[in-house]
Amino acid sequence: MIVQFFIPMKLPTATHQEKKWTVRKGKPYSYEPPAVQDARQKFTAYFSKFIPERKLKGPLVLTTQWIYLTDKKHPPKTWKATKPDTDNLVKLPKDVLTALRFWGDDRQVASETIQKFYDTIPGLYVRIEEIEP
């Protein structure tokens, strides 16, 4: 089975690694700052429209394309080689896909392609494919 979708959107700038830590009664606790909470809510709202009828099983291939709005310095179809880092980009959406039960756990992702570039319509393309074990 393959699940794929494109969400035209202004991509959130907050990423999962921006979690904060605090200490309460001598114990450390992590929390998400408001910008990360907002990004999580946006991904949840957008992704919920594409939840598959059944959870994806076995090893998976995940492809994400992060498309930023072109400008004078960055013409269409050119690569984005600045922050955020690709590994930081994908963690939060993977957590949301897990919470929405697209799959059992993101450890099922056996192959991953993350691309970021500029184009005239900004947004996020997601493709998840079951592969033979």
Foldseek 3Di string as FASTA:
>chain_A
DKFKDWDQDAQQQDFDVPWDWDADPRRIDIDDPPSLVVNLVVLLVVCLVRQDPAAADAAKEKEKEFEHAADPVAEAPAFDPDDDDQVRHVPSNQVSCCVSRNHVHSVSHPHYHYGYGYHHGGTMMIMMDHDDD
